[in-house]
Amino acid sequence: MKKHLKLLDKSVKSARTDGRKSSGSEPRVSLSSIAKKHFKKLGYVWNKTESEPRVTVFDKVTELGNVIRINVGAGGFNDVIPYVDARFLSAGFESESVWVVAAQSVATADELQSLLSKHEKDLRYFEQHIATIYDQEMGRSEPTITTLIQEHRIRRIE
């Protein structure tokens, strides 16, 4: 597991570039709407319950009924700095958050779409290697528990 986490971390950091630009009077790019389209295309569903202002949350249910959760937060002032991380959730376990997109400044919708697209391989790596290992270890989740995790902020069932 540590090997896969290090590889993912290295990949995300190596893909980081300084996207800072003078935004002048341009309107600030909307992170949420672009992220919703992007992650929907990748099979994620917007989680209204967990989302809040400036943080949009997406879930994808694994083959065994556990949940991969993506948090997309917006930082920065004139430009948006998207902070995108993933974690694995099951009935009795919540993994550490792992960056799946390098945090960097973006000023336009095209820059944001390009940044998210550039890191699709890192998200796929998380899904195929890290979440798969967790999935196998945690085993099958009951559909009712999956619903509770997604809709009621329940993190631990004892």
C-alpha atoms as a PDB file:
ATOM      1  CA  MET A   1       0.000   0.000   0.000  1.00  0.00           C
ATOM      2  CA  LYS A   2       2.793   2.446   0.947  1.00  0.00           C
ATOM      3  CA  LYS A   3       4.474   1.796  -2.402  1.00  0.00           C
ATOM      4  CA  HIS A   4       1.279   2.710  -4.294  1.00  0.00           C
ATOM      5  CA  LEU A   5       0.726   5.841  -2.182  1.00  0.00           C
ATOM      6  CA  LYS A   6       4.306   7.013  -2.815  1.00  0.00           C
ATOM      7  CA  LEU A   7       3.951   6.429  -6.560  1.00  0.00           C
ATOM      8  CA  LEU A   8       0.711   8.418  -6.651  1.00  0.00           C
ATOM      9  CA  ASP A   9       2.219  11.243  -4.588  1.00  0.00           C
ATOM     10  CA  LYS A  10       5.246  11.380  -6.881  1.00  0.00           C
ATOM     11  CA  SER A  11       3.038  11.483  -9.983  1.00  0.00           C
ATOM     12  CA  VAL A  12       0.827  14.291  -8.668  1.00  0.00           C
ATOM     13  CA  LYS A  13       3.822  16.379  -7.563  1.00  0.00           C
ATOM     14  CA  SER A  14       5.709  15.872 -10.838  1.00  0.00           C
ATOM     15  CA  ALA A  15       2.712  17.071 -12.860  1.00  0.00           C
ATOM     16  CA  ARG A  16       2.488  20.326 -10.936  1.00  0.00           C
ATOM     17  CA  THR A  17       3.281  23.493 -12.840  1.00  0.00           C
ATOM     18  CA  ASP A  18       3.024  27.091 -11.825  1.00  0.00           C
ATOM     19  CA  GLY A  19      -0.153  28.285 -13.510  1.00  0.00           C
ATOM     20  CA  ARG A  20      -0.154  31.735 -11.898  1.00  0.00           C
ATOM     21  CA  LYS A  21      -1.249  34.512 -14.192  1.00  0.00           C
ATOM     22  CA  SER A  22      -2.480  37.993 -13.704  1.00  0.00           C
ATOM     23  CA  SER A  23      -6.231  37.662 -13.839  1.00  0.00           C
ATOM     24  CA  GLY A  24      -6.830  41.400 -14.005  1.00  0.00           C
ATOM     25  CA  SER A  25     -10.538  42.073 -14.343  1.00  0.00           C
ATOM     26  CA  GLU A  26     -11.515  38.616 -15.611  1.00  0.00           C
ATOM     27  CA  PRO A  27     -14.310  36.928 -13.661  1.00  0.00           C
ATOM     28  CA  ARG A  28     -13.259  34.173 -11.309  1.00  0.00           C
ATOM     29  CA  VAL A  29     -13.645  30.663 -12.738  1.00  0.00           C
ATOM     30  CA  SER A  30     -16.365  28.479 -11.162  1.00  0.00           C
ATOM     31  CA  LEU A  31     -14.781  25.312  -9.796  1.00  0.00           C
ATOM     32  CA  SER A  32     -17.988  23.468  -8.875  1.00  0.00           C
ATOM     33  CA  SER A  33     -19.724  23.434 -12.262  1.00  0.00           C
ATOM     34  CA  ILE A  34     -16.605  22.332 -14.147  1.00  0.00           C
ATOM     35  CA  ALA A  35     -15.784  19.683 -11.533  1.00  0.00           C
ATOM     36  CA  LYS A  36     -19.356  18.331 -11.668  1.00  0.00           C
ATOM     37  CA  LYS A  37     -19.119  17.764 -15.430  1.00  0.00           C
ATOM     38  CA  HIS A  38     -15.609  16.336 -15.231  1.00  0.00           C
ATOM     39  CA  PHE A  39     -16.203  13.827 -12.429  1.00  0.00           C
ATOM     40  CA  LYS A  40     -19.626  12.794 -13.773  1.00  0.00           C
ATOM     41  CA  LYS A  41     -17.838  11.777 -16.979  1.00  0.00           C
ATOM     42  CA  LEU A  42     -15.548   9.574 -14.823  1.00  0.00           C
ATOM     43  CA  GLY A  43     -18.471   7.810 -13.132  1.00  0.00           C
ATOM     44  CA  TYR A  44     -18.735   9.869  -9.940  1.00  0.00           C
ATOM     45  CA  VAL A  45     -21.979  11.217  -8.496  1.00  0.00           C
ATOM     46  CA  TRP A  46     -22.279  14.616  -6.843  1.00  0.00           C
ATOM     47  CA  ASN A  47     -22.928  14.166  -3.129  1.00  0.00           C
ATOM     48  CA  LYS A  48     -25.178  17.113  -2.162  1.00  0.00           C
ATOM     49  CA  THR A  49     -25.289  16.077   1.494  1.00  0.00           C
ATOM     50  CA  GLU A  50     -21.516  16.234   1.995  1.00  0.00           C
ATOM     51  CA  SER A  51     -20.909  19.265  -0.243  1.00  0.00           C
ATOM     52  CA  GLU A  52     -20.713  22.742   1.223  1.00  0.00           C
ATOM     53  CA  PRO A  53     -19.762  26.205  -0.040  1.00  0.00           C
ATOM     54  CA  ARG A  54     -16.395  26.039  -1.861  1.00  0.00           C
ATOM     55  CA  VAL A  55     -16.130  22.247  -1.338  1.00  0.00           C
ATOM     56  CA  THR A  56     -17.827  19.900  -3.799  1.00  0.00           C
ATOM     57  CA  VAL A  57     -17.930  16.197  -2.947  1.00  0.00           C
ATOM     58  CA  PHE A  58     -18.289  13.263  -5.355  1.00  0.00           C
ATOM     59  CA  ASP A  59     -18.789   9.575  -4.620  1.00  0.00           C
ATOM     60  CA  LYS A  60     -18.270   6.408  -6.616  1.00  0.00           C
ATOM     61  CA  VAL A  61     -19.400   3.060  -5.256  1.00  0.00           C
ATOM     62  CA  THR A  62     -16.830   0.281  -5.686  1.00  0.00           C
ATOM     63  CA  GLU A  63     -17.620  -3.218  -6.941  1.00  0.00           C
ATOM     64  CA  LEU A  64     -17.917  -4.393  -3.335  1.00  0.00           C
ATOM     65  CA  GLY A  65     -20.208  -1.555  -2.275  1.00  0.00           C
ATOM     66  CA  ASN A  66     -17.661   0.660  -0.521  1.00  0.00           C
ATOM     67  CA  VAL A  67     -17.193   4.317  -1.485  1.00  0.00           C
ATOM     68  CA  ILE A  68     -14.431   6.325  -3.159  1.00  0.00           C
ATOM     69  CA  ARG A  69     -14.927   9.951  -2.157  1.00  0.00           C
ATOM     70  CA  ILE A  70     -13.448  12.907  -4.054  1.00  0.00           C
ATOM     71  CA  ASN A  71     -13.290  16.311  -2.320  1.00  0.00           C
ATOM     72  CA  VAL A  72     -12.809  19.321  -4.575  1.00  0.00           C
ATOM     73  CA  GLY A  73     -12.106  22.495  -2.632  1.00  0.00           C
ATOM     74  CA  ALA A  74     -11.383  25.997  -3.889  1.00  0.00           C
ATOM     75  CA  GLY A  75      -8.632  28.137  -2.435  1.00  0.00           C
ATOM     76  CA  GLY A  76      -6.973  31.307  -3.639  1.00  0.00           C
ATOM     77  CA  PHE A  77      -8.221  34.834  -4.008  1.00  0.00           C
ATOM     78  CA  ASN A  78      -8.216  36.143  -7.599  1.00  0.00           C
ATOM     79  CA  ASP A  79      -7.337  32.807  -9.159  1.00  0.00           C
ATOM     80  CA  VAL A  80      -8.784  29.492  -8.008  1.00  0.00           C
ATOM     81  CA  ILE A  81      -6.471  26.892  -6.528  1.00  0.00           C
ATOM     82  CA  PRO A  82      -8.297  23.569  -6.703  1.00  0.00           C
ATOM     83  CA  TYR A  83      -7.478  21.106  -3.946  1.00  0.00           C
ATOM     84  CA  VAL A  84      -8.624  17.674  -5.109  1.00  0.00           C
ATOM     85  CA  ASP A  85      -8.166  14.615  -2.942  1.00  0.00           C
ATOM     86  CA  ALA A  86      -9.556  11.107  -2.747  1.00  0.00           C
ATOM     87  CA  ARG A  87     -10.203   8.689   0.066  1.00  0.00           C
ATOM     88  CA  PHE A  88     -11.803   5.320   0.625  1.00  0.00           C
ATOM     89  CA  LEU A  89     -14.792   4.844   2.947  1.00  0.00           C
ATOM     90  CA  SER A  90     -16.351   1.674   4.281  1.00  0.00           C
ATOM     91  CA  ALA A  91     -18.570   0.844   7.255  1.00  0.00           C
ATOM     92  CA  GLY A  92     -15.747   0.875   9.789  1.00  0.00           C
ATOM     93  CA  PHE A  93     -12.888   2.577   7.987  1.00  0.00           C
ATOM     94  CA  GLU A  94     -11.957   5.907   6.432  1.00  0.00           C
ATOM     95  CA  SER A  95      -8.574   6.178   4.713  1.00  0.00           C
ATOM     96  CA  GLU A  96      -6.293   9.187   4.747  1.00  0.00           C
ATOM     97  CA  SER A  97      -6.949  11.735   2.007  1.00  0.00           C
ATOM     98  CA  VAL A  98      -4.558  11.519  -0.931  1.00  0.00           C
ATOM     99  CA  TRP A  99      -4.057  14.254  -3.514  1.00  0.00           C
ATOM    100  CA  VAL A 100      -5.155  13.186  -6.978  1.00  0.00           C
ATOM    101  CA  VAL A 101      -4.749  16.610  -8.624  1.00  0.00           C
ATOM    102  CA  ALA A 102      -1.834  18.976  -8.037  1.00  0.00           C
ATOM    103  CA  ALA A 103      -2.919  22.178  -6.309  1.00  0.00           C
ATOM    104  CA  GLN A 104      -2.042  25.071  -8.575  1.00  0.00           C
ATOM    105  CA  SER A 105      -3.499  28.388  -9.550  1.00  0.00           C
ATOM    106  CA  VAL A 106      -5.943  28.543 -12.474  1.00  0.00           C
ATOM    107  CA  ALA A 107      -7.627  31.631 -13.838  1.00  0.00           C
ATOM    108  CA  THR A 108      -9.822  30.320 -16.658  1.00  0.00           C
ATOM    109  CA  ALA A 109     -12.263  27.471 -17.199  1.00  0.00           C
ATOM    110  CA  ASP A 110      -9.972  26.012 -19.888  1.00  0.00           C
ATOM    111  CA  GLU A 111      -7.024  25.930 -17.480  1.00  0.00           C
ATOM    112  CA  LEU A 112      -9.152  24.173 -14.864  1.00  0.00           C
ATOM    113  CA  GLN A 113     -10.470  21.598 -17.355  1.00  0.00           C
ATOM    114  CA  SER A 114      -6.925  20.994 -18.578  1.00  0.00           C
ATOM    115  CA  LEU A 115      -5.634  20.530 -15.021  1.00  0.00           C
ATOM    116  CA  LEU A 116      -8.388  18.055 -14.111  1.00  0.00           C
ATOM    117  CA  SER A 117      -7.893  16.120 -17.365  1.00  0.00           C
ATOM    118  CA  LYS A 118      -4.125  16.003 -16.902  1.00  0.00           C
ATOM    119  CA  HIS A 119      -4.611  14.207 -13.585  1.00  0.00           C
ATOM    120  CA  GLU A 120      -7.211  11.632 -14.681  1.00  0.00           C
ATOM    121  CA  LYS A 121      -4.449   9.009 -14.722  1.00  0.00           C
ATOM    122  CA  ASP A 122      -3.676   9.747 -11.058  1.00  0.00           C
ATOM    123  CA  LEU A 123      -7.314   9.304 -10.082  1.00  0.00           C
ATOM    124  CA  ARG A 124      -7.451   6.054 -12.077  1.00  0.00           C
ATOM    125  CA  TYR A 125      -4.302   4.906 -10.268  1.00  0.00           C
ATOM    126  CA  PHE A 126      -6.009   5.578  -6.938  1.00  0.00           C
ATOM    127  CA  GLU A 127      -9.090   3.641  -8.047  1.00  0.00           C
ATOM    128  CA  GLN A 128      -7.245   0.688  -9.573  1.00  0.00           C
ATOM    129  CA  HIS A 129      -4.501   0.208  -7.023  1.00  0.00           C
ATOM    130  CA  ILE A 130      -5.134   1.915  -3.702  1.00  0.00           C
ATOM    131  CA  ALA A 131      -8.934   1.694  -3.448  1.00  0.00           C
ATOM    132  CA  THR A 132      -8.866  -1.855  -4.829  1.00  0.00           C
ATOM    133  CA  ILE A 133      -6.524  -2.948  -2.024  1.00  0.00           C
ATOM    134  CA  TYR A 134      -8.762  -1.296   0.584  1.00  0.00           C
ATOM    135  CA  ASP A 135     -11.839  -2.834  -1.082  1.00  0.00           C
ATOM    136  CA  GLN A 136     -10.394  -6.334  -0.835  1.00  0.00           C
ATOM    137  CA  GLU A 137      -9.385  -5.832   2.794  1.00  0.00           C
ATOM    138  CA  MET A 138     -12.728  -4.362   3.877  1.00  0.00           C
ATOM    139  CA  GLY A 139     -14.888  -6.830   1.986  1.00  0.00           C
ATOM    140  CA  ARG A 140     -18.439  -6.405   0.735  1.00  0.00           C
ATOM    141  CA  SER A 141     -20.531  -3.594   2.176  1.00  0.00           C
ATOM    142  CA  GLU A 142     -24.276  -3.913   2.626  1.00  0.00           C
ATOM    143  CA  PRO A 143     -26.273  -1.534   0.379  1.00  0.00           C
ATOM    144  CA  THR A 144     -27.893   0.024   3.452  1.00  0.00           C
ATOM    145  CA  ILE A 145     -24.492   0.865   4.911  1.00  0.00           C
ATOM    146  CA  THR A 146     -23.344   2.337   1.595  1.00  0.00           C
ATOM    147  CA  THR A 147     -26.437   4.574   1.601  1.00  0.00           C
ATOM    148  CA  LEU A 148     -25.755   5.667   5.184  1.00  0.00           C
ATOM    149  CA  ILE A 149     -22.152   6.545   4.326  1.00  0.00           C
ATOM    150  CA  GLN A 150     -23.246   8.620   1.339  1.00  0.00           C
ATOM    151  CA  GLU A 151     -26.293  10.357   2.771  1.00  0.00           C
ATOM    152  CA  HIS A 152     -25.905  10.757   6.516  1.00  0.00           C
ATOM    153  CA  ARG A 153     -22.290  11.616   7.287  1.00  0.00           C
ATOM    154  CA  ILE A 154     -21.867   8.329   9.156  1.00  0.00           C
ATOM    155  CA  ARG A 155     -18.192   7.410   9.331  1.00  0.00           C
ATOM    156  CA  ARG A 156     -18.009   4.549  11.789  1.00  0.00           C
ATOM    157  CA  ILE A 157     -20.507   1.820  12.539  1.00  0.00           C
ATOM    158  CA  GLU A 158     -19.635  -0.215  15.620  1.00  0.00           C
END
